[in-house]
Protein backbone atom coordinates (compact mmCIF):
# COMPACT_ATOMS: atom_id res chain seq x y z
CA UNK A 1 -7.41 -5.00 -28.37
CA UNK A 2 -10.09 -4.41 -26.74
CA UNK A 3 -10.48 -0.18 -26.62
CA UNK A 4 -12.51 0.96 -23.31
CA UNK A 5 -13.46 4.97 -23.12
CA UNK A 6 -13.96 6.70 -19.94
CA UNK A 7 -15.91 9.64 -20.75
CA UNK A 8 -16.84 12.70 -18.47
CA UNK A 9 -20.34 13.78 -19.25
CA UNK A 10 -21.72 17.25 -18.75
CA UNK A 11 -24.93 19.11 -19.75
CA UNK A 12 -23.99 19.00 -23.49
CA UNK A 13 -24.08 15.66 -25.28
CA UNK A 14 -22.89 16.15 -28.71
CA UNK A 15 -19.13 15.81 -27.69
CA UNK A 16 -19.79 12.60 -25.75
CA UNK A 17 -21.43 11.42 -28.37
CA UNK A 18 -18.95 12.54 -30.71
CA UNK A 19 -16.12 11.23 -28.90
CA UNK A 20 -18.20 7.93 -29.15
CA UNK A 21 -18.38 7.42 -32.88
CA UNK A 22 -15.02 8.83 -33.75
CA UNK A 23 -13.04 6.60 -31.08
CA UNK A 24 -15.31 3.19 -31.69
CA UNK A 25 -14.93 2.28 -28.27
CA UNK A 26 -16.17 -1.75 -27.25
CA UNK A 27 -17.08 -0.54 -23.98
CA UNK A 28 -17.88 3.14 -22.15
CA UNK A 29 -17.57 3.66 -18.59
CA UNK A 30 -19.40 7.14 -18.99
CA UNK A 31 -18.87 9.02 -15.07
CA UNK A 32 -21.49 11.49 -14.61
CA UNK A 33 -23.74 13.50 -11.50
CA UNK A 34 -26.67 11.92 -10.06
CA UNK A 35 -29.63 13.11 -9.01
CA UNK A 36 -32.64 14.06 -11.16
CA UNK A 37 -31.13 16.91 -12.44
CA UNK A 38 -27.79 15.01 -13.17
CA UNK A 39 -26.01 14.25 -16.13
CA UNK A 40 -26.78 10.49 -15.48
CA UNK A 41 -30.31 11.25 -17.63
CA UNK A 42 -28.59 12.18 -20.51
CA UNK A 43 -26.92 9.20 -20.71
CA UNK A 44 -30.26 6.70 -20.77
CA UNK A 45 -32.80 8.86 -19.75
CA UNK A 46 -36.60 8.98 -21.31
CA UNK A 47 -37.53 11.72 -23.61
CA UNK A 48 -35.50 13.54 -25.31
CA UNK A 49 -32.75 14.75 -21.99
CA UNK A 50 -29.77 16.16 -24.83
CA UNK A 51 -31.93 18.94 -25.75
CA UNK A 52 -32.89 20.07 -29.51
CA UNK A 53 -35.46 16.99 -29.97
CA UNK A 54 -32.89 14.94 -29.44
CA UNK A 55 -32.81 11.10 -27.25
CA UNK A 56 -30.27 10.18 -24.79
CA UNK A 57 -26.89 9.53 -25.73
CA UNK A 58 -27.27 5.57 -25.51
CA UNK A 59 -30.01 5.82 -27.68
CA UNK A 60 -28.19 7.99 -30.40
CA UNK A 61 -25.15 5.28 -30.40
CA UNK A 62 -27.29 2.36 -30.50
CA UNK A 63 -25.44 0.90 -27.41
CA UNK A 64 -27.24 -1.94 -25.92
CA UNK A 65 -26.69 -2.32 -22.39
CA UNK A 66 -24.41 -4.89 -21.99
CA UNK A 67 -21.94 -2.02 -24.08
CA UNK A 68 -21.50 0.68 -20.97
CA UNK A 69 -21.62 1.32 -17.85
CA UNK A 70 -22.89 4.67 -15.63
CA UNK A 71 -20.51 5.63 -12.90
CA UNK A 72 -22.56 8.43 -10.97
CA UNK A 73 -21.01 10.72 -8.73
CA UNK A 74 -23.05 12.47 -5.99
CA UNK A 75 -21.32 15.54 -5.76
CA UNK A 76 -19.49 16.66 -9.27
CA UNK A 77 -18.33 19.16 -7.85
CA UNK A 78 -16.09 16.80 -5.09
CA UNK A 79 -12.51 16.47 -6.42
CA UNK A 80 -12.16 13.54 -4.10
CA UNK A 81 -15.45 12.06 -4.81
CA UNK A 82 -14.44 12.20 -8.81
CA UNK A 83 -11.21 10.75 -8.74
CA UNK A 84 -12.19 8.13 -6.41
CA UNK A 85 -14.62 7.11 -8.99
CA UNK A 86 -11.91 7.14 -11.75
CA UNK A 87 -9.82 4.94 -9.79
CA UNK A 88 -12.98 2.66 -9.16
CA UNK A 89 -13.26 2.03 -13.22
CA UNK A 90 -9.25 1.31 -13.66
CA UNK A 91 -9.94 -1.50 -10.84
CA UNK A 92 -12.80 -2.51 -12.82
CA UNK A 93 -11.24 -2.27 -16.09
CA UNK A 94 -8.47 -4.30 -15.17
CA UNK A 95 -10.75 -7.28 -13.67
CA UNK A 96 -12.91 -7.16 -16.75
CA UNK A 97 -10.67 -7.07 -19.44
CA UNK A 98 -7.27 -7.18 -18.18
CA UNK A 99 -4.20 -4.99 -17.96
CA UNK A 100 -3.60 -5.15 -21.45
CA UNK A 101 -7.16 -3.53 -22.42
CA UNK A 102 -6.47 0.33 -23.94
CA UNK A 103 -8.05 2.70 -22.26
CA UNK A 104 -8.60 6.15 -23.63
CA UNK A 105 -9.66 9.19 -21.41
CA UNK A 106 -11.85 11.79 -22.75
CA UNK A 107 -12.48 14.56 -20.32
CA UNK A 108 -14.36 16.93 -22.74
CA UNK A 109 -17.95 16.86 -20.82
CA UNK A 110 -18.67 17.17 -17.40
CA UNK A 111 -17.76 19.82 -14.25
CA UNK A 112 -14.50 21.03 -14.13
CA UNK A 113 -13.82 19.25 -11.36
CA UNK A 114 -14.81 15.74 -13.40
CA UNK A 115 -13.03 16.27 -16.07
CA UNK A 116 -9.61 17.80 -13.74
CA UNK A 117 -10.27 14.13 -11.84
CA UNK A 118 -10.21 11.96 -15.25
CA UNK A 119 -7.44 13.80 -16.84
CA UNK A 120 -4.92 13.43 -13.29
CA UNK A 121 -5.80 10.23 -13.03
CA UNK A 122 -4.70 9.43 -16.84
CA UNK A 123 -1.87 11.19 -16.24
CA UNK A 124 -0.72 10.09 -12.36
CA UNK A 125 -1.95 6.59 -12.36
CA UNK A 126 -3.76 5.24 -15.05
CA UNK A 127 -1.41 4.09 -18.48
CA UNK A 128 -3.96 5.58 -20.33
CA UNK A 129 -4.51 7.84 -23.65
CA UNK A 130 -6.06 10.85 -23.13
CA UNK A 131 -8.56 13.14 -25.42
CA UNK A 132 -10.26 16.10 -25.94
CA UNK A 133 -12.46 17.26 -28.35
CA UNK A 134 -11.58 20.08 -30.64
CA UNK A 135 -13.68 22.17 -32.53
CA UNK A 136 -14.69 25.90 -34.23
CA UNK A 137 -15.53 28.23 -31.51
CA UNK A 138 -17.49 31.01 -31.71
CA UNK A 139 -17.41 32.31 -28.00
CA UNK A 140 -15.69 31.14 -24.85
CA UNK A 141 -18.36 29.18 -23.32
CA UNK A 142 -18.09 25.91 -25.47
CA UNK A 143 -17.22 24.47 -28.95
CA UNK A 144 -20.64 24.74 -30.46
CA UNK A 145 -20.59 22.07 -33.64
CA UNK A 146 -17.85 19.76 -35.70
CA UNK A 147 -15.97 18.73 -32.45
CA UNK A 148 -13.75 15.49 -32.89
CA UNK A 149 -11.26 13.84 -30.03
CA UNK A 150 -7.86 14.50 -30.35
CA UNK A 151 -5.14 13.15 -28.52
CA UNK A 152 -3.75 15.24 -25.72
CA UNK A 153 0.15 15.46 -24.60
CA UNK A 154 0.35 14.63 -21.17
CA UNK A 155 4.27 13.97 -20.84
CA UNK A 156 5.14 17.40 -19.50
CA UNK A 157 2.32 17.14 -16.96
CA UNK A 158 3.55 13.50 -16.16
CA UNK A 159 7.51 13.84 -15.96
CA UNK A 160 7.12 16.98 -13.67
CA UNK A 161 5.31 14.42 -11.61
CA UNK A 162 7.64 11.77 -11.39
CA UNK A 163 10.32 13.79 -11.16
CA UNK A 164 9.78 15.58 -8.35
CA UNK A 165 8.65 11.51 -6.61
CA UNK A 166 12.34 11.22 -7.92
CA UNK A 167 13.62 13.51 -6.11
CA UNK A 168 12.22 13.09 -3.09
CA UNK A 169 14.19 9.55 -3.29
CA UNK A 170 17.10 11.31 -4.36
CA UNK A 171 17.27 13.20 -0.98
CA UNK A 172 17.98 10.29 0.93
CA UNK A 173 20.54 9.02 -1.40
CA UNK A 174 17.82 6.65 -2.57
CA UNK A 175 19.12 5.71 -6.24
CA UNK A 176 17.34 2.63 -6.78
CA UNK A 177 13.91 4.01 -5.98
CA UNK A 178 14.85 6.88 -7.72
CA UNK A 179 15.23 5.08 -10.59
CA UNK A 180 12.40 2.60 -10.35
CA UNK A 181 10.12 5.96 -10.36
CA UNK A 182 11.41 7.26 -13.62
CA UNK A 183 11.15 3.81 -14.98
CA UNK A 184 7.43 3.92 -15.58
CA UNK A 185 7.93 6.55 -17.89
CA UNK A 186 10.64 5.41 -20.05
CA UNK A 187 9.04 1.90 -19.28
CA UNK A 188 5.29 2.77 -19.75
CA UNK A 189 5.22 5.69 -22.29
CA UNK A 190 6.31 6.75 -25.61
CA UNK A 191 8.34 9.49 -25.05
CA UNK A 192 9.30 12.18 -27.70
CA UNK A 193 13.03 12.20 -28.15
CA UNK A 194 14.06 15.30 -25.96
CA UNK A 195 12.22 13.92 -23.02
CA UNK A 196 13.42 10.24 -23.69
CA UNK A 197 17.06 11.30 -23.92
CA UNK A 198 16.69 13.22 -20.33
CA UNK A 199 14.59 10.38 -18.68
CA UNK A 200 17.26 7.54 -20.15
CA UNK A 201 20.25 9.94 -18.83
CA UNK A 202 18.94 10.45 -15.51
CA UNK A 203 18.18 6.45 -15.05
CA UNK A 204 21.68 5.46 -15.87
CA UNK A 205 22.90 8.31 -13.31
CA UNK A 206 20.41 6.57 -10.76
CA UNK A 207 21.79 3.11 -11.70
CA UNK A 208 25.49 4.64 -12.02
CA UNK A 209 25.30 5.84 -8.08
CA UNK A 210 23.16 2.91 -7.29
CA UNK A 211 25.96 0.74 -7.90
CA UNK A 212 28.16 3.04 -6.07
CA UNK A 213 26.46 3.07 -3.35
CA UNK A 214 26.76 -0.84 -2.77
CA UNK A 215 30.47 -1.17 -3.93
CA UNK A 216 30.06 -2.17 -7.45
CA UNK A 217 32.54 0.41 -8.24
CA UNK A 218 33.59 -1.49 -11.60
CA UNK A 219 29.57 -1.22 -12.87
CA UNK A 220 29.46 2.59 -11.64
CA UNK A 221 32.85 3.64 -13.57
CA UNK A 222 31.38 1.98 -16.86
CA UNK A 223 27.71 3.44 -16.50
CA UNK A 224 29.51 6.73 -15.59
CA UNK A 225 31.75 6.90 -18.18
CA UNK A 226 28.81 5.65 -20.62
CA UNK A 227 26.57 8.59 -19.64
CA UNK A 228 29.47 11.19 -19.94
CA UNK A 229 29.43 15.13 -19.54
CA UNK A 230 31.18 17.26 -17.67
CA UNK A 231 29.41 17.25 -14.16
CA UNK A 232 30.04 13.47 -14.47
CA UNK A 233 33.81 13.97 -14.61
CA UNK A 234 34.78 14.69 -11.18
CA UNK A 235 33.13 11.10 -10.08
CA UNK A 236 34.62 9.61 -12.43
CA UNK A 237 38.32 10.48 -11.44
CA UNK A 238 37.18 9.75 -8.10
CA UNK A 239 36.24 6.12 -9.37
CA UNK A 240 39.18 5.91 -11.21
CA UNK A 241 41.61 6.49 -8.09
CA UNK A 242 39.09 4.15 -5.75
CA UNK A 243 39.59 1.32 -8.21
CA UNK A 244 43.42 2.17 -8.19
CA UNK A 245 43.65 3.06 -11.82
CA UNK A 246 43.86 6.99 -11.30
CA UNK A 247 46.28 9.21 -8.95
CA UNK A 248 45.38 7.09 -6.58
CA UNK A 249 46.67 7.89 -2.64
CA UNK A 250 45.66 4.32 -1.55
CA UNK A 251 43.34 5.78 0.84
CA UNK A 252 40.55 6.50 -1.02
CA UNK A 253 38.26 3.52 0.07
CA UNK A 254 38.77 4.59 3.53
CA UNK A 255 37.44 8.12 2.78
CA UNK A 256 34.56 6.64 0.42
CA UNK A 257 33.30 4.46 3.13
CA UNK A 258 33.35 7.91 5.69
CA UNK A 259 30.89 9.40 2.61
CA UNK A 260 29.22 5.97 2.44
CA UNK A 261 28.30 6.30 6.57
CA UNK A 262 27.06 9.83 5.53
CA UNK A 263 24.51 7.91 2.95
CA UNK A 264 23.44 5.59 5.96
CA UNK A 265 22.83 7.96 8.46
CA UNK A 266 20.43 10.22 5.82
CA UNK A 267 18.10 7.49 5.66
CA UNK A 268 18.22 6.67 9.32
CA UNK A 269 20.09 3.69 9.18
CA UNK A 270 22.44 4.19 12.26
CA UNK A 271 23.66 0.93 12.85
CA UNK A 272 24.79 0.12 8.98
CA UNK A 273 26.34 3.72 9.34
CA UNK A 274 28.59 2.81 12.28
CA UNK A 275 29.54 -0.73 10.60
CA UNK A 276 31.24 1.37 7.70
CA UNK A 277 33.03 3.42 9.89
CA UNK A 278 34.08 1.17 12.11
CA UNK A 279 35.12 -0.98 8.50
CA UNK A 280 36.98 2.45 7.89
CA UNK A 281 39.02 2.94 10.85
CA UNK A 282 40.24 -0.99 10.45
CA UNK A 283 41.17 -0.15 6.54
CA UNK A 284 43.18 3.01 7.64
CA UNK A 285 45.20 0.94 10.26
CA UNK A 286 45.54 -1.90 7.06
CA UNK A 287 46.49 0.07 4.30
CA UNK A 288 48.86 1.68 6.02
CA UNK A 289 50.88 -1.52 7.16
CA UNK A 290 50.75 -2.81 4.19
CA UNK A 291 51.51 0.54 2.05
CA UNK A 292 54.57 2.01 4.33
CA UNK A 293 55.72 -1.37 6.32
CA UNK A 294 54.85 -4.03 3.83
CA UNK A 295 52.84 -5.91 6.26
CA UNK A 296 48.98 -7.86 5.83
CA UNK A 297 46.95 -7.78 9.07
CA UNK A 298 45.34 -11.05 7.52
CA UNK A 299 48.82 -12.73 7.48
CA UNK A 300 52.00 -11.13 9.63
CA UNK A 301 55.52 -11.93 8.26
CA UNK A 302 57.32 -12.00 11.13
CA UNK A 303 60.49 -11.70 9.10
CA UNK A 304 58.90 -8.08 8.13
CA UNK A 305 58.84 -6.78 11.84
CA UNK A 306 61.79 -5.85 13.64
CA UNK A 307 63.37 -7.78 15.07
CA UNK A 308 62.85 -7.01 18.93
CA UNK A 309 58.80 -7.63 18.18
CA UNK A 310 59.32 -11.07 16.66
CA UNK A 311 59.29 -13.10 19.50
CA UNK A 312 56.26 -11.80 20.82
CA UNK A 313 54.04 -11.67 17.42
CA UNK A 314 54.95 -15.31 17.13
CA UNK A 315 52.41 -16.19 20.11
CA UNK A 316 49.69 -14.65 18.35
CA UNK A 317 49.53 -17.37 15.63
CA UNK A 318 46.77 -19.53 15.61
CA UNK A 319 46.46 -23.27 14.87
CA UNK A 320 47.32 -22.41 11.16
CA UNK A 321 50.41 -20.52 11.90
CA UNK A 322 49.11 -17.20 11.11
CA UNK A 323 49.69 -14.33 12.70
CA UNK A 324 46.18 -12.06 12.30
CA UNK A 325 45.93 -8.68 13.73
CA UNK A 326 42.52 -7.45 14.90
CA UNK A 327 41.54 -3.50 14.45
CA UNK A 328 43.50 -2.27 17.80
CA UNK A 329 46.50 -4.53 17.44
CA UNK A 330 46.99 -3.49 14.34
CA UNK A 331 46.63 0.25 15.45
CA UNK A 332 49.49 -0.95 18.10
CA UNK A 333 51.84 -2.32 15.82
CA UNK A 334 51.70 0.79 14.18
CA UNK A 335 52.69 2.61 17.32
CA UNK A 336 55.41 -0.26 17.97
CA UNK A 337 56.88 0.64 14.93
CA UNK A 338 57.08 4.49 15.10
CA UNK A 339 54.37 5.45 12.27
CA UNK A 340 52.61 8.40 12.79
CA UNK A 341 49.35 7.00 12.38
CA UNK A 342 50.12 4.98 15.56
CA UNK A 343 51.74 7.73 17.44
CA UNK A 344 48.21 9.54 16.82
CA UNK A 345 46.59 6.31 17.67
CA UNK A 346 48.22 6.45 21.14
CA UNK A 347 47.63 9.96 22.05
CA UNK A 348 43.53 9.48 20.60
CA UNK A 349 43.11 5.49 21.80
CA UNK A 350 40.83 5.95 25.06
CA UNK A 351 38.11 8.01 23.55
CA UNK A 352 37.94 5.98 20.57
CA UNK A 353 38.23 2.53 22.69
CA UNK A 354 34.99 3.92 24.51
CA UNK A 355 33.75 4.57 21.10
CA UNK A 356 34.13 0.96 19.84
CA UNK A 357 32.37 -0.38 22.99
CA UNK A 358 29.41 1.57 22.08
CA UNK A 359 29.76 0.29 18.63
CA UNK A 360 29.73 -3.52 20.28
CA UNK A 361 25.91 -3.13 21.50
CA UNK A 362 25.12 -2.94 18.08
CA UNK A 363 23.00 -5.80 16.63
CA UNK A 364 25.34 -5.45 13.61
CA UNK A 365 28.16 -5.96 16.12
CA UNK A 366 28.39 -8.44 18.98
CA UNK A 367 24.71 -6.92 20.72
CA UNK A 368 21.36 -6.64 20.20
CA UNK A 369 20.32 -2.66 20.79
CA UNK A 370 19.88 -0.72 17.91
CA UNK A 371 21.52 2.33 17.60
CA UNK A 372 20.10 5.74 17.21
CA UNK A 373 21.21 8.93 15.97
CA UNK A 374 22.94 10.42 19.14
CA UNK A 375 25.00 7.20 19.54
CA UNK A 376 25.92 7.73 15.72
CA UNK A 377 26.94 11.37 15.89
CA UNK A 378 28.71 10.43 19.03
CA UNK A 379 30.55 7.48 17.32
CA UNK A 380 31.00 9.53 14.38
CA UNK A 381 32.71 12.61 16.11
CA UNK A 382 35.26 10.15 17.29
CA UNK A 383 35.77 7.56 14.61
CA UNK A 384 35.43 10.16 11.78
CA UNK A 385 37.69 13.10 13.60
CA UNK A 386 40.26 10.52 14.13
CA UNK A 387 40.34 9.26 10.33
CA UNK A 388 40.76 12.59 9.35
CA UNK A 389 43.19 13.63 11.68
CA UNK A 390 45.86 10.64 10.41
CA UNK A 391 44.92 11.12 6.69
CA UNK A 392 46.11 15.17 7.23
CA UNK A 393 48.93 14.05 9.24
CA UNK A 394 50.02 12.15 6.43
CA UNK A 395 49.46 14.77 4.06
CA UNK A 396 46.77 12.94 1.89
CA UNK A 397 44.77 14.49 0.10
CA UNK A 398 41.90 12.21 -1.82
CA UNK A 399 39.57 13.04 -5.17
CA UNK A 400 36.96 11.11 -3.65
CA UNK A 401 33.69 13.31 -3.31
CA UNK A 402 29.91 12.97 -1.77
CA UNK A 403 27.58 11.51 -4.47
CA UNK A 404 24.88 13.45 -5.77
CA UNK A 405 21.00 13.97 -4.19
CA UNK A 406 18.67 15.56 -6.41
CA UNK A 407 21.13 17.90 -8.78
CA UNK A 408 21.93 14.26 -10.14
CA UNK A 409 18.20 15.31 -12.35
CA UNK A 410 20.46 18.24 -13.54
CA UNK A 411 23.31 16.68 -14.51
């Protein structure tokens, strides 16, 4: 594998020479300052630019012109300029040596700003090893002699940055994006045991809650059970209920849809949010009819209706002879059956119908207009309020809960 060294160069040549000799790179990029007083002269300038009767770095190392390149920075104290220079080096390395080249960054020399830029890039953007020359010190000025490059641990800094990025995605329930951020560490970095365990757990949780968010409850339950832990227990209980395996009331999916709608609203996806609230309203009627009356809205059996309703409902049969009830007719039937949810529907019908008509203009319904936050808030107040009142009327309490946001990283 080709080894590339990117080294910052300051006024002292010895650390740079020692790093190059120890690391034995196939090609070297010297990040230096330009001008008559810049560190560029110490690389291949004439005479003895390294002082103490020592020739330039390239001469000491016996480097040919095709074995190195100088990257000159006009202002070595400009962090943006230094960082941009290192980024350009990274792009050139990929283009010239391919993505699999081993890159080592050594930030011993150069101005503090140059060193910071090189170290930051190695941590944030570059899958680079980071090294620093260490040796005996007689004072706080610099290492005098006998210095050698050693690998620098960058995991804590890199993982903090990645966790902060993931946290921003989790604030919006973007579990898949948070997982992709954390994958940069688990896939591209050799992690110590504790860091690895922490990140793998966070990634499993991201994948579990993403599966839940897209209604793959089976996969979500599997991942949460594998992950385990006290803080996962309430979510596992809720999923078992949603799947009909726990202390299910039958209305868990209705409540889960409401929480899902809230997550879409947090992402500014108001059309999706309203679509989910509509489905929750529809599902409430379907579950109530099936659970209490044994009636399936997709295929109503006349024998299960009171005799005085059969003739009228038989007229609703389609060409296949099936009686299918849309949302409003399902609630009308509950009202005619004397069901408490039906009675509540009759009392609340007018604002609900008005809200439904507003929803019909959505591009995800029958119209072409996007819904905005104000539309969502109006719709949610009416529809969600009705659903919660209906469940309260029935005495239904579920163990459903909203999914975690940035607190996921501490679970």
